[in-house]
């Protein structure tokens, strides 16, 4: 399962705030967070599936595209606003690409890092 989630933005004293909370706009308890930035325009990130981890992707700045593949169907999403998040359940192939020069992609997960849960062979994933 995967879906776009609209994140509510609050205007506070002329600045903006978006809060991410379990079971409000994030469907899991956050155990890990990382961000990707400085990606050259022609580089594809991801290119793997995860056996156990769920993810929430948010562009804090700039834009990128994410292709999600469940083994039967592929769908492309444009993340270009901090008010949009993309939720991915486990066992989905993901590729992130077309990063704008200033893109900062925040990734939240419900699992701690475990190198053994990654599937890098697309044929094995399908």
Protein backbone atom coordinates (compact mmCIF):
# COMPACT_ATOMS: atom_id res chain seq x y z
CA UNK A 1 0.00 0.00 0.00
CA UNK A 2 1.12 3.54 -0.72
CA UNK A 3 -0.62 6.89 -0.67
CA UNK A 4 -0.14 10.63 -0.68
CA UNK A 5 -0.90 12.41 2.58
CA UNK A 6 -1.73 16.11 2.85
CA UNK A 7 0.06 17.75 5.77
CA UNK A 8 -1.64 20.63 7.54
CA UNK A 9 0.46 23.79 7.70
CA UNK A 10 0.12 26.37 10.44
CA UNK A 11 1.03 30.04 10.06
CA UNK A 12 2.59 31.14 13.31
CA UNK A 13 4.01 34.66 13.68
CA UNK A 14 4.68 34.92 9.96
CA UNK A 15 6.47 31.57 9.71
CA UNK A 16 5.18 28.13 8.81
CA UNK A 17 5.03 24.97 10.90
CA UNK A 18 4.07 21.39 10.01
CA UNK A 19 3.93 18.75 12.75
CA UNK A 20 4.22 15.01 12.06
CA UNK A 21 2.49 12.78 14.60
CA UNK A 22 1.80 9.07 14.85
CA UNK A 23 -1.75 8.18 13.77
CA UNK A 24 -2.52 11.80 12.86
CA UNK A 25 -0.58 12.28 9.62
CA UNK A 26 2.11 9.61 10.03
CA UNK A 27 0.71 6.06 10.09
CA UNK A 28 3.50 4.65 12.28
CA UNK A 29 5.74 5.34 15.27
CA UNK A 30 8.91 7.04 14.01
CA UNK A 31 12.08 5.15 14.94
CA UNK A 32 14.45 6.49 12.29
CA UNK A 33 14.83 9.71 10.32
CA UNK A 34 17.31 10.65 7.62
CA UNK A 35 17.49 13.19 4.84
CA UNK A 36 18.92 13.14 1.34
CA UNK A 37 20.35 16.25 -0.30
CA UNK A 38 22.98 17.35 -2.80
CA UNK A 39 21.90 14.69 -5.29
CA UNK A 40 23.21 15.27 -8.84
CA UNK A 41 20.40 15.64 -11.39
CA UNK A 42 21.15 12.36 -13.21
CA UNK A 43 21.47 10.16 -10.09
CA UNK A 44 18.77 7.68 -9.02
CA UNK A 45 18.53 6.98 -5.29
CA UNK A 46 16.80 4.06 -3.65
CA UNK A 47 16.56 1.23 -6.18
CA UNK A 48 15.54 -1.23 -3.48
CA UNK A 49 12.67 -2.63 -1.44
CA UNK A 50 12.52 -3.20 2.30
CA UNK A 51 11.13 -6.36 3.88
CA UNK A 52 10.01 -4.75 7.14
CA UNK A 53 10.20 -0.95 7.00
CA UNK A 54 7.46 1.55 6.27
CA UNK A 55 8.44 5.04 5.10
CA UNK A 56 7.12 8.58 4.92
CA UNK A 57 8.83 10.89 2.39
CA UNK A 58 8.57 14.69 2.58
CA UNK A 59 10.50 17.27 0.55
CA UNK A 60 11.47 19.98 3.00
CA UNK A 61 12.82 22.06 0.12
CA UNK A 62 12.86 21.68 -3.64
CA UNK A 63 11.37 18.75 -5.53
CA UNK A 64 11.97 15.17 -6.63
CA UNK A 65 10.07 12.29 -8.18
CA UNK A 66 9.52 8.90 -6.59
CA UNK A 67 8.55 5.80 -8.56
CA UNK A 68 6.76 3.15 -6.48
CA UNK A 69 6.51 -0.42 -7.78
CA UNK A 70 4.51 -3.17 -6.06
CA UNK A 71 5.70 -5.85 -8.49
CA UNK A 72 2.60 -5.51 -10.68
CA UNK A 73 2.18 -1.78 -11.22
CA UNK A 74 4.47 1.26 -11.18
CA UNK A 75 3.31 4.74 -10.21
CA UNK A 76 5.26 8.01 -10.22
CA UNK A 77 4.76 10.77 -7.63
CA UNK A 78 6.05 14.34 -7.63
CA UNK A 79 7.01 15.67 -4.22
CA UNK A 80 7.40 19.43 -4.51
CA UNK A 81 5.93 20.85 -1.30
CA UNK A 82 6.51 20.29 2.42
CA UNK A 83 2.71 19.99 2.66
CA UNK A 84 2.72 16.68 0.75
CA UNK A 85 4.00 13.37 2.08
CA UNK A 86 4.25 9.98 0.40
CA UNK A 87 3.61 6.93 2.59
CA UNK A 88 5.09 3.57 1.52
CA UNK A 89 4.34 0.27 3.20
CA UNK A 90 6.91 -2.53 3.34
CA UNK A 91 7.82 -4.60 0.26
CA UNK A 92 7.57 -1.79 -2.29
CA UNK A 93 10.36 -1.06 -4.76
CA UNK A 94 11.29 2.61 -4.67
CA UNK A 95 13.37 4.89 -6.87
CA UNK A 96 13.93 8.60 -6.20
CA UNK A 97 15.16 10.81 -9.05
CA UNK A 98 14.96 14.18 -10.82
CA UNK A 99 16.11 15.95 -7.65
CA UNK A 100 16.08 19.73 -7.97
CA UNK A 101 19.38 21.40 -7.10
CA UNK A 102 18.07 22.56 -3.72
CA UNK A 103 16.07 19.44 -2.80
CA UNK A 104 16.12 18.16 0.77
CA UNK A 105 14.16 14.91 1.07
CA UNK A 106 13.23 13.88 4.62
CA UNK A 107 12.59 10.15 5.11
CA UNK A 108 10.96 8.76 8.25
CA UNK A 109 10.74 5.04 9.08
CA UNK A 110 9.12 2.78 11.64
CA UNK A 111 12.21 0.53 11.85
CA UNK A 112 15.80 0.97 12.90
CA UNK A 113 18.37 0.43 10.14
CA UNK A 114 19.00 -3.24 9.32
CA UNK A 115 21.07 -3.97 6.22
CA UNK A 116 19.61 -7.49 6.00
CA UNK A 117 16.07 -6.26 5.26
CA UNK A 118 17.07 -4.55 1.99
CA UNK A 119 16.34 -6.19 -1.37
CA UNK A 120 18.56 -4.74 -4.11
CA UNK A 121 17.81 -7.34 -6.82
CA UNK A 122 14.68 -6.27 -8.69
CA UNK A 123 14.04 -9.77 -10.08
CA UNK A 124 14.21 -11.26 -6.57
CA UNK A 125 11.80 -8.56 -5.37
CA UNK A 126 9.18 -9.39 -8.03
